[in-house]
PDB file of all heavy atoms in Angstrom:
ATOM      1  N   ALA A   1     142.268 -15.852  21.013  1.00  0.00           N
ATOM      2  CA  ALA A   1     143.225 -16.846  20.539  1.00  0.00           C
ATOM      3  C   ALA A   1     143.180 -16.968  19.019  1.00  0.00           C
ATOM      4  O   ALA A   1     144.219 -17.155  18.372  1.00  0.00           O
ATOM      5  CB  ALA A   1     142.946 -18.194  21.193  1.00  0.00           C
ATOM      6  N   LEU A   2     141.993 -16.864  18.433  1.00  0.00           N
ATOM      7  CA  LEU A   2     141.897 -16.914  16.969  1.00  0.00           C
ATOM      8  C   LEU A   2     142.608 -15.729  16.332  1.00  0.00           C
ATOM      9  O   LEU A   2     143.355 -15.881  15.358  1.00  0.00           O
ATOM     10  CB  LEU A   2     140.422 -16.925  16.547  1.00  0.00           C
ATOM     11  CG  LEU A   2     139.676 -18.246  16.641  1.00  0.00           C
ATOM     12  CD1 LEU A   2     138.224 -18.050  16.216  1.00  0.00           C
ATOM     13  CD2 LEU A   2     140.329 -19.308  15.768  1.00  0.00           C
ATOM     14  N   LEU A   3     142.375 -14.532  16.879  1.00  0.00           N
ATOM     15  CA  LEU A   3     143.039 -13.352  16.334  1.00  0.00           C
ATOM     16  C   LEU A   3     144.552 -13.446  16.533  1.00  0.00           C
ATOM     17  O   LEU A   3     145.322 -13.156  15.614  1.00  0.00           O
ATOM     18  CB  LEU A   3     142.493 -12.092  17.000  1.00  0.00           C
ATOM     19  CG  LEU A   3     143.142 -10.771  16.560  1.00  0.00           C
ATOM     20  CD1 LEU A   3     143.003 -10.563  15.062  1.00  0.00           C
ATOM     21  CD2 LEU A   3     142.532  -9.595  17.327  1.00  0.00           C
ATOM     22  N   ALA A   4     144.976 -13.878  17.716  1.00  0.00           N
ATOM     23  CA  ALA A   4     146.410 -14.004  17.980  1.00  0.00           C
ATOM     24  C   ALA A   4     147.058 -15.006  17.028  1.00  0.00           C
ATOM     25  O   ALA A   4     148.141 -14.755  16.475  1.00  0.00           O
ATOM     26  CB  ALA A   4     146.646 -14.429  19.430  1.00  0.00           C
ATOM     27  N   GLY A   5     146.403 -16.152  16.827  1.00  0.00           N
ATOM     28  CA  GLY A   5     146.951 -17.161  15.922  1.00  0.00           C
ATOM     29  C   GLY A   5     147.095 -16.642  14.506  1.00  0.00           C
ATOM     30  O   GLY A   5     148.104 -16.906  13.830  1.00  0.00           O
ATOM     31  N   LEU A   6     146.085 -15.909  14.050  1.00  0.00           N
ATOM     32  CA  LEU A   6     146.154 -15.336  12.706  1.00  0.00           C
ATOM     33  C   LEU A   6     147.312 -14.345  12.593  1.00  0.00           C
ATOM     34  O   LEU A   6     148.085 -14.383  11.623  1.00  0.00           O
ATOM     35  CB  LEU A   6     144.839 -14.648  12.366  1.00  0.00           C
ATOM     36  CG  LEU A   6     144.821 -13.812  11.082  1.00  0.00           C
ATOM     37  CD1 LEU A   6     145.071 -14.690   9.870  1.00  0.00           C
ATOM     38  CD2 LEU A   6     143.510 -13.066  10.939  1.00  0.00           C
ATOM     39  N   LEU A   7     147.462 -13.458  13.567  1.00  0.00           N
ATOM     40  CA  LEU A   7     148.508 -12.447  13.511  1.00  0.00           C
ATOM     41  C   LEU A   7     149.898 -13.076  13.552  1.00  0.00           C
ATOM     42  O   LEU A   7     150.804 -12.653  12.816  1.00  0.00           O
ATOM     43  CB  LEU A   7     148.344 -11.462  14.667  1.00  0.00           C
ATOM     44  CG  LEU A   7     147.091 -10.580  14.625  1.00  0.00           C
ATOM     45  CD1 LEU A   7     147.000  -9.734  15.895  1.00  0.00           C
ATOM     46  CD2 LEU A   7     147.080  -9.692  13.391  1.00  0.00           C
ATOM     47  N   VAL A   8     150.065 -14.088  14.400  1.00  0.00           N
ATOM     48  CA  VAL A   8     151.374 -14.750  14.489  1.00  0.00           C
ATOM     49  C   VAL A   8     151.711 -15.435  13.178  1.00  0.00           C
ATOM     50  O   VAL A   8     152.825 -15.317  12.653  1.00  0.00           O
ATOM     51  CB  VAL A   8     151.388 -15.758  15.658  1.00  0.00           C
ATOM     52  CG1 VAL A   8     152.649 -16.617  15.612  1.00  0.00           C
ATOM     53  CG2 VAL A   8     151.309 -15.034  16.995  1.00  0.00           C
ATOM     54  N   GLN A   9     150.753 -16.166  12.603  1.00  0.00           N
ATOM     55  CA  GLN A   9     151.019 -16.866  11.350  1.00  0.00           C
ATOM     56  C   GLN A   9     151.253 -15.883  10.214  1.00  0.00           C
ATOM     57  O   GLN A   9     152.161 -16.067   9.388  1.00  0.00           O
ATOM     58  CB  GLN A   9     149.858 -17.792  11.007  1.00  0.00           C
ATOM     59  CG  GLN A   9     150.088 -18.587   9.723  1.00  0.00           C
ATOM     60  CD  GLN A   9     149.017 -19.642   9.486  1.00  0.00           C
ATOM     61  OE1 GLN A   9     148.210 -19.923  10.354  1.00  0.00           O
ATOM     62  NE2 GLN A   9     149.015 -20.208   8.304  1.00  0.00           N
ATOM     63  N   LEU A  10     150.449 -14.836  10.175  1.00  0.00           N
ATOM     64  CA  LEU A  10     150.576 -13.854   9.095  1.00  0.00           C
ATOM     65  C   LEU A  10     151.927 -13.164   9.114  1.00  0.00           C
ATOM     66  O   LEU A  10     152.576 -13.001   8.071  1.00  0.00           O
ATOM     67  CB  LEU A  10     149.457 -12.813   9.233  1.00  0.00           C
ATOM     68  CG  LEU A  10     149.514 -11.605   8.298  1.00  0.00           C
ATOM     69  CD1 LEU A  10     149.380 -12.045   6.850  1.00  0.00           C
ATOM     70  CD2 LEU A  10     148.413 -10.612   8.669  1.00  0.00           C
ATOM     71  N   THR A  11     152.384 -12.763  10.290  1.00  0.00           N
ATOM     72  CA  THR A  11     153.625 -11.992  10.377  1.00  0.00           C
ATOM     73  C   THR A  11     154.882 -12.852  10.363  1.00  0.00           C
ATOM     74  O   THR A  11     155.973 -12.340  10.124  1.00  0.00           O
ATOM     75  CB  THR A  11     153.633 -11.123  11.650  1.00  0.00           C
ATOM     76  OG1 THR A  11     153.474 -11.961  12.808  1.00  0.00           O
ATOM     77  CG2 THR A  11     152.505 -10.107  11.605  1.00  0.00           C
ATOM     78  N   SER A  12     154.723 -14.164  10.597  1.00  0.00           N
ATOM     79  CA  SER A  12     155.910 -15.023  10.616  1.00  0.00           C
ATOM     80  C   SER A  12     156.502 -15.205   9.225  1.00  0.00           C
ATOM     81  O   SER A  12     157.716 -15.373   9.077  1.00  0.00           O
ATOM     82  CB  SER A  12     155.566 -16.392  11.214  1.00  0.00           C
ATOM     83  OG  SER A  12     154.619 -17.075  10.403  1.00  0.00           O
ATOM     84  N   ASP A  13     155.663 -15.150   8.191  1.00  0.00           N
ATOM     85  CA  ASP A  13     156.164 -15.319   6.822  1.00  0.00           C
ATOM     86  C   ASP A  13     155.136 -14.780   5.852  1.00  0.00           C
ATOM     87  O   ASP A  13     154.073 -15.378   5.656  1.00  0.00           O
ATOM     88  CB  ASP A  13     156.442 -16.795   6.530  1.00  0.00           C
ATOM     89  CG  ASP A  13     156.981 -17.015   5.116  1.00  0.00           C
ATOM     90  OD1 ASP A  13     157.377 -16.023   4.477  1.00  0.00           O
ATOM     91  OD2 ASP A  13     156.985 -18.171   4.668  1.00  0.00           O
ATOM     92  N   THR A  14     155.427 -13.647   5.241  1.00  0.00           N
ATOM     93  CA  THR A  14     154.486 -13.048   4.283  1.00  0.00           C
ATOM     94  C   THR A  14     154.812 -13.420   2.846  1.00  0.00           C
ATOM     95  O   THR A  14     154.100 -13.024   1.928  1.00  0.00           O
ATOM     96  CB  THR A  14     154.501 -11.512   4.411  1.00  0.00           C
ATOM     97  OG1 THR A  14     155.828 -11.033   4.136  1.00  0.00           O
ATOM     98  CG2 THR A  14     154.088 -11.069   5.815  1.00  0.00           C
ATOM     99  N   SER A  15     155.867 -14.197   2.634  1.00  0.00           N
ATOM    100  CA  SER A  15     156.326 -14.469   1.272  1.00  0.00           C
ATOM    101  C   SER A  15     155.347 -15.316   0.464  1.00  0.00           C
ATOM    102  O   SER A  15     155.372 -15.287  -0.765  1.00  0.00           O
ATOM    103  CB  SER A  15     157.689 -15.165   1.304  1.00  0.00           C
ATOM    104  OG  SER A  15     157.599 -16.435   1.947  1.00  0.00           O
ATOM    105  N   SER A  16     154.507 -16.081   1.141  1.00  0.00           N
ATOM    106  CA  SER A  16     153.597 -16.969   0.426  1.00  0.00           C
ATOM    107  C   SER A  16     152.320 -16.258  -0.026  1.00  0.00           C
ATOM    108  O   SER A  16     151.496 -16.852  -0.719  1.00  0.00           O
ATOM    109  CB  SER A  16     153.226 -18.166   1.305  1.00  0.00           C
ATOM    110  OG  SER A  16     152.629 -17.732   2.509  1.00  0.00           O
ATOM    111  N   TYR A  17     152.164 -14.990   0.366  1.00  0.00           N
ATOM    112  CA  TYR A  17     150.981 -14.232  -0.044  1.00  0.00           C
ATOM    113  C   TYR A  17     151.325 -13.323  -1.212  1.00  0.00           C
ATOM    114  O   TYR A  17     152.474 -12.904  -1.391  1.00  0.00           O
ATOM    115  CB  TYR A  17     150.467 -13.388   1.121  1.00  0.00           C
ATOM    116  CG  TYR A  17     150.079 -14.190   2.337  1.00  0.00           C
ATOM    117  CD1 TYR A  17     150.897 -14.226   3.462  1.00  0.00           C
ATOM    118  CD2 TYR A  17     148.895 -14.918   2.358  1.00  0.00           C
ATOM    119  CE1 TYR A  17     150.557 -14.969   4.574  1.00  0.00           C
ATOM    120  CE2 TYR A  17     148.544 -15.662   3.468  1.00  0.00           C
ATOM    121  CZ  TYR A  17     149.377 -15.689   4.579  1.00  0.00           C
ATOM    122  OH  TYR A  17     149.036 -16.425   5.674  1.00  0.00           O
ATOM    123  N   ARG A  18     150.312 -13.013  -1.997  1.00  0.00           N
ATOM    124  CA  ARG A  18     150.476 -12.088  -3.109  1.00  0.00           C
ATOM    125  C   ARG A  18     149.977 -10.707  -2.705  1.00  0.00           C
ATOM    126  O   ARG A  18     149.186 -10.571  -1.775  1.00  0.00           O
ATOM    127  CB  ARG A  18     149.692 -12.588  -4.323  1.00  0.00           C
ATOM    128  CG  ARG A  18     150.139 -13.947  -4.849  1.00  0.00           C
ATOM    129  CD  ARG A  18     149.166 -14.464  -5.891  1.00  0.00           C
ATOM    130  NE  ARG A  18     147.831 -14.641  -5.317  1.00  0.00           N
ATOM    131  CZ  ARG A  18     146.755 -14.960  -6.017  1.00  0.00           C
ATOM    132  NH1 ARG A  18     146.850 -15.117  -7.322  1.00  0.00           N
ATOM    133  NH2 ARG A  18     145.596 -15.101  -5.420  1.00  0.00           N
ATOM    134  N   ALA A  19     150.394  -9.692  -3.431  1.00  0.00           N
ATOM    135  CA  ALA A  19     149.941  -8.338  -3.133  1.00  0.00           C
ATOM    136  C   ALA A  19     148.413  -8.242  -3.206  1.00  0.00           C
ATOM    137  O   ALA A  19     147.781  -7.513  -2.438  1.00  0.00           O
ATOM    138  CB  ALA A  19     150.590  -7.347  -4.091  1.00  0.00           C
ATOM    139  N   ALA A  20     147.831  -9.032  -4.126  1.00  0.00           N
ATOM    140  CA  ALA A  20     146.375  -9.004  -4.281  1.00  0.00           C
ATOM    141  C   ALA A  20     145.649  -9.573  -3.068  1.00  0.00           C
ATOM    142  O   ALA A  20     144.446  -9.365  -2.911  1.00  0.00           O
ATOM    143  CB  ALA A  20     145.976  -9.783  -5.539  1.00  0.00           C
ATOM    144  N   ASP A  21     146.371 -10.300  -2.208  1.00  0.00           N
ATOM    145  CA  ASP A  21     145.746 -10.880  -1.014  1.00  0.00           C
ATOM    146  C   ASP A  21     145.586  -9.865   0.111  1.00  0.00           C
ATOM    147  O   ASP A  21     144.887 -10.140   1.096  1.00  0.00           O
ATOM    148  CB  ASP A  21     146.596 -12.045  -0.479  1.00  0.00           C
ATOM    149  CG  ASP A  21     146.642 -13.223  -1.435  1.00  0.00           C
ATOM    150  OD1 ASP A  21     145.636 -13.447  -2.121  1.00  0.00           O
ATOM    151  OD2 ASP A  21     147.681 -13.906  -1.486  1.00  0.00           O
ATOM    152  N   ALA A  22     146.235  -8.709   0.001  1.00  0.00           N
ATOM    153  CA  ALA A  22     146.274  -7.757   1.114  1.00  0.00           C
ATOM    154  C   ALA A  22     144.876  -7.334   1.561  1.00  0.00           C
ATOM    155  O   ALA A  22     144.559  -7.362   2.761  1.00  0.00           O
ATOM    156  CB  ALA A  22     147.111  -6.536   0.727  1.00  0.00           C
ATOM    157  N   GLU A  23     144.031  -6.943   0.624  1.00  0.00           N
ATOM    158  CA  GLU A  23     142.683  -6.485   0.985  1.00  0.00           C
ATOM    159  C   GLU A  23     141.890  -7.590   1.657  1.00  0.00           C
ATOM    160  O   GLU A  23     141.184  -7.360   2.651  1.00  0.00           O
ATOM    161  CB  GLU A  23     141.943  -5.989  -0.264  1.00  0.00           C
ATOM    162  CG  GLU A  23     142.523  -4.737  -0.891  1.00  0.00           C
ATOM    163  CD  GLU A  23     142.072  -3.459  -0.186  1.00  0.00           C
ATOM    164  OE1 GLU A  23     141.199  -3.558   0.704  1.00  0.00           O
ATOM    165  OE2 GLU A  23     142.599  -2.386  -0.529  1.00  0.00           O
ATOM    166  N   ARG A  24     141.993  -8.811   1.114  1.00  0.00           N
ATOM    167  CA  ARG A  24     141.245  -9.930   1.694  1.00  0.00           C
ATOM    168  C   ARG A  24     141.731 -10.231   3.113  1.00  0.00           C
ATOM    169  O   ARG A  24     140.929 -10.494   4.012  1.00  0.00           O
ATOM    170  CB  ARG A  24     141.387 -11.161   0.805  1.00  0.00           C
ATOM    171  CG  ARG A  24     140.647 -11.037  -0.521  1.00  0.00           C
ATOM    172  CD  ARG A  24     140.658 -12.351  -1.281  1.00  0.00           C
ATOM    173  NE  ARG A  24     141.966 -12.629  -1.854  1.00  0.00           N
ATOM    174  CZ  ARG A  24     142.342 -12.249  -3.065  1.00  0.00           C
ATOM    175  NH1 ARG A  24     141.526 -11.542  -3.826  1.00  0.00           N
ATOM    176  NH2 ARG A  24     143.541 -12.559  -3.532  1.00  0.00           N
ATOM    177  N   LEU A  25     143.044 -10.192   3.309  1.00  0.00           N
ATOM    178  CA  LEU A  25     143.583 -10.425   4.643  1.00  0.00           C
ATOM    179  C   LEU A  25     143.153  -9.328   5.603  1.00  0.00           C
ATOM    180  O   LEU A  25     142.864  -9.590   6.773  1.00  0.00           O
ATOM    181  CB  LEU A  25     145.102 -10.518   4.580  1.00  0.00           C
ATOM    182  CG  LEU A  25     145.663 -11.793   3.947  1.00  0.00           C
ATOM    183  CD1 LEU A  25     147.146 -11.630   3.654  1.00  0.00           C
ATOM    184  CD2 LEU A  25     145.429 -12.994   4.860  1.00  0.00           C
ATOM    185  N   GLY A  26     143.100  -8.096   5.104  1.00  0.00           N
ATOM    186  CA  GLY A  26     142.625  -6.999   5.947  1.00  0.00           C
ATOM    187  C   GLY A  26     141.184  -7.209   6.380  1.00  0.00           C
ATOM    188  O   GLY A  26     140.812  -6.916   7.524  1.00  0.00           O
ATOM    189  N   THR A  27     140.367  -7.751   5.475  1.00  0.00           N
ATOM    190  CA  THR A  27     138.976  -8.041   5.822  1.00  0.00           C
ATOM    191  C   THR A  27     138.887  -9.112   6.900  1.00  0.00           C
ATOM    192  O   THR A  27     138.100  -9.005   7.851  1.00  0.00           O
ATOM    193  CB  THR A  27     138.200  -8.510   4.576  1.00  0.00           C
ATOM    194  OG1 THR A  27     138.183  -7.454   3.608  1.00  0.00           O
ATOM    195  CG2 THR A  27     136.760  -8.873   4.921  1.00  0.00           C
ATOM    196  N   VAL A  28     139.728 -10.154   6.774  1.00  0.00           N
ATOM    197  CA  VAL A  28     139.730 -11.224   7.778  1.00  0.00           C
ATOM    198  C   VAL A  28     140.160 -10.680   9.140  1.00  0.00           C
ATOM    199  O   VAL A  28     139.544 -10.970  10.165  1.00  0.00           O
ATOM    200  CB  VAL A  28     140.650 -12.378   7.341  1.00  0.00           C
ATOM    201  CG1 VAL A  28     140.768 -13.409   8.456  1.00  0.00           C
ATOM    202  CG2 VAL A  28     140.104 -13.035   6.077  1.00  0.00           C
ATOM    203  N   VAL A  29     141.228  -9.878   9.156  1.00  0.00           N
ATOM    204  CA  VAL A  29     141.682  -9.286  10.423  1.00  0.00           C
ATOM    205  C   VAL A  29     140.590  -8.405  11.006  1.00  0.00           C
ATOM    206  O   VAL A  29     140.291  -8.460  12.211  1.00  0.00           O
ATOM    207  CB  VAL A  29     142.975  -8.472  10.211  1.00  0.00           C
ATOM    208  CG1 VAL A  29     143.343  -7.712  11.494  1.00  0.00           C
ATOM    209  CG2 VAL A  29     144.125  -9.384   9.815  1.00  0.00           C
ATOM    210  N   GLY A  30     139.952  -7.594  10.150  1.00  0.00           N
ATOM    211  CA  GLY A  30     138.877  -6.723  10.623  1.00  0.00           C
ATOM    212  C   GLY A  30     137.706  -7.500  11.204  1.00  0.00           C
ATOM    213  O   GLY A  30     137.135  -7.119  12.235  1.00  0.00           O
ATOM    214  N   ASP A  31     137.343  -8.600  10.564  1.00  0.00           N
ATOM    215  CA  ASP A  31     136.248  -9.424  11.078  1.00  0.00           C
ATOM    216  C   ASP A  31     136.589 -10.004  12.450  1.00  0.00           C
ATOM    217  O   ASP A  31     135.751 -10.060  13.346  1.00  0.00           O
ATOM    218  CB  ASP A  31     135.939 -10.564  10.103  1.00  0.00           C
ATOM    219  CG  ASP A  31     135.171 -10.092   8.883  1.00  0.00           C
ATOM    220  OD1 ASP A  31     134.578  -9.009   8.947  1.00  0.00           O
ATOM    221  OD2 ASP A  31     135.180 -10.805   7.870  1.00  0.00           O
ATOM    222  N   LEU A  32     137.838 -10.457  12.600  1.00  0.00           N
ATOM    223  CA  LEU A  32     138.223 -11.038  13.887  1.00  0.00           C
ATOM    224  C   LEU A  32     138.327  -9.969  14.975  1.00  0.00           C
ATOM    225  O   LEU A  32     137.964 -10.222  16.131  1.00  0.00           O
ATOM    226  CB  LEU A  32     139.538 -11.792  13.755  1.00  0.00           C
ATOM    227  CG  LEU A  32     139.401 -13.252  13.330  1.00  0.00           C
ATOM    228  CD1 LEU A  32     140.771 -13.915  13.258  1.00  0.00           C
ATOM    229  CD2 LEU A  32     138.513 -14.021  14.302  1.00  0.00           C
ATOM    230  N   VAL A  33     138.807  -8.780  14.625  1.00  0.00           N
ATOM    231  CA  VAL A  33     138.811  -7.691  15.613  1.00  0.00           C
ATOM    232  C   VAL A  33     137.393  -7.373  16.034  1.00  0.00           C
ATOM    233  O   VAL A  33     137.095  -7.193  17.223  1.00  0.00           O
ATOM    234  CB  VAL A  33     139.507  -6.436  15.030  1.00  0.00           C
ATOM    235  CG1 VAL A  33     139.290  -5.236  15.958  1.00  0.00           C
ATOM    236  CG2 VAL A  33     140.995  -6.685  14.844  1.00  0.00           C
ATOM    237  N   THR A  34     136.479  -7.320  15.069  1.00  0.00           N
ATOM    238  CA  THR A  34     135.067  -7.088  15.394  1.00  0.00           C
ATOM    239  C   THR A  34     134.537  -8.165  16.333  1.00  0.00           C
ATOM    240  O   THR A  34     133.851  -7.877  17.317  1.00  0.00           O
ATOM    241  CB  THR A  34     134.220  -7.063  14.109  1.00  0.00           C
ATOM    242  OG1 THR A  34     134.615  -5.951  13.311  1.00  0.00           O
ATOM    243  CG2 THR A  34     132.736  -6.936  14.426  1.00  0.00           C
ATOM    244  N   ALA A  35     134.873  -9.414  16.034  1.00  0.00           N
ATOM    245  CA  ALA A  35     134.404 -10.516  16.879  1.00  0.00           C
ATOM    246  C   ALA A  35     134.993 -10.430  18.283  1.00  0.00           C
ATOM    247  O   ALA A  35     134.314 -10.721  19.273  1.00  0.00           O
ATOM    248  CB  ALA A  35     134.764 -11.859  16.232  1.00  0.00           C
ATOM    249  N   VAL A  36     136.269 -10.037  18.377  1.00  0.00           N
ATOM    250  CA  VAL A  36     136.901  -9.877  19.693  1.00  0.00           C
ATOM    251  C   VAL A  36     136.206  -8.776  20.487  1.00  0.00           C
ATOM    252  O   VAL A  36     135.911  -8.932  21.677  1.00  0.00           O
ATOM    253  CB  VAL A  36     138.402  -9.567  19.531  1.00  0.00           C
ATOM    254  CG1 VAL A  36     139.009  -9.065  20.841  1.00  0.00           C
ATOM    255  CG2 VAL A  36     139.154 -10.804  19.059  1.00  0.00           C
TER     256      VAL A  36
END
């Protein structure tokens, strides 16, 4: 549910993120996939 919530929120609107956030977001997604 945590991973699903993150993916839904992330993909619903990417306009509020900066290009520099991409790596950090990838790390968060990777951590949650690992936890799953």
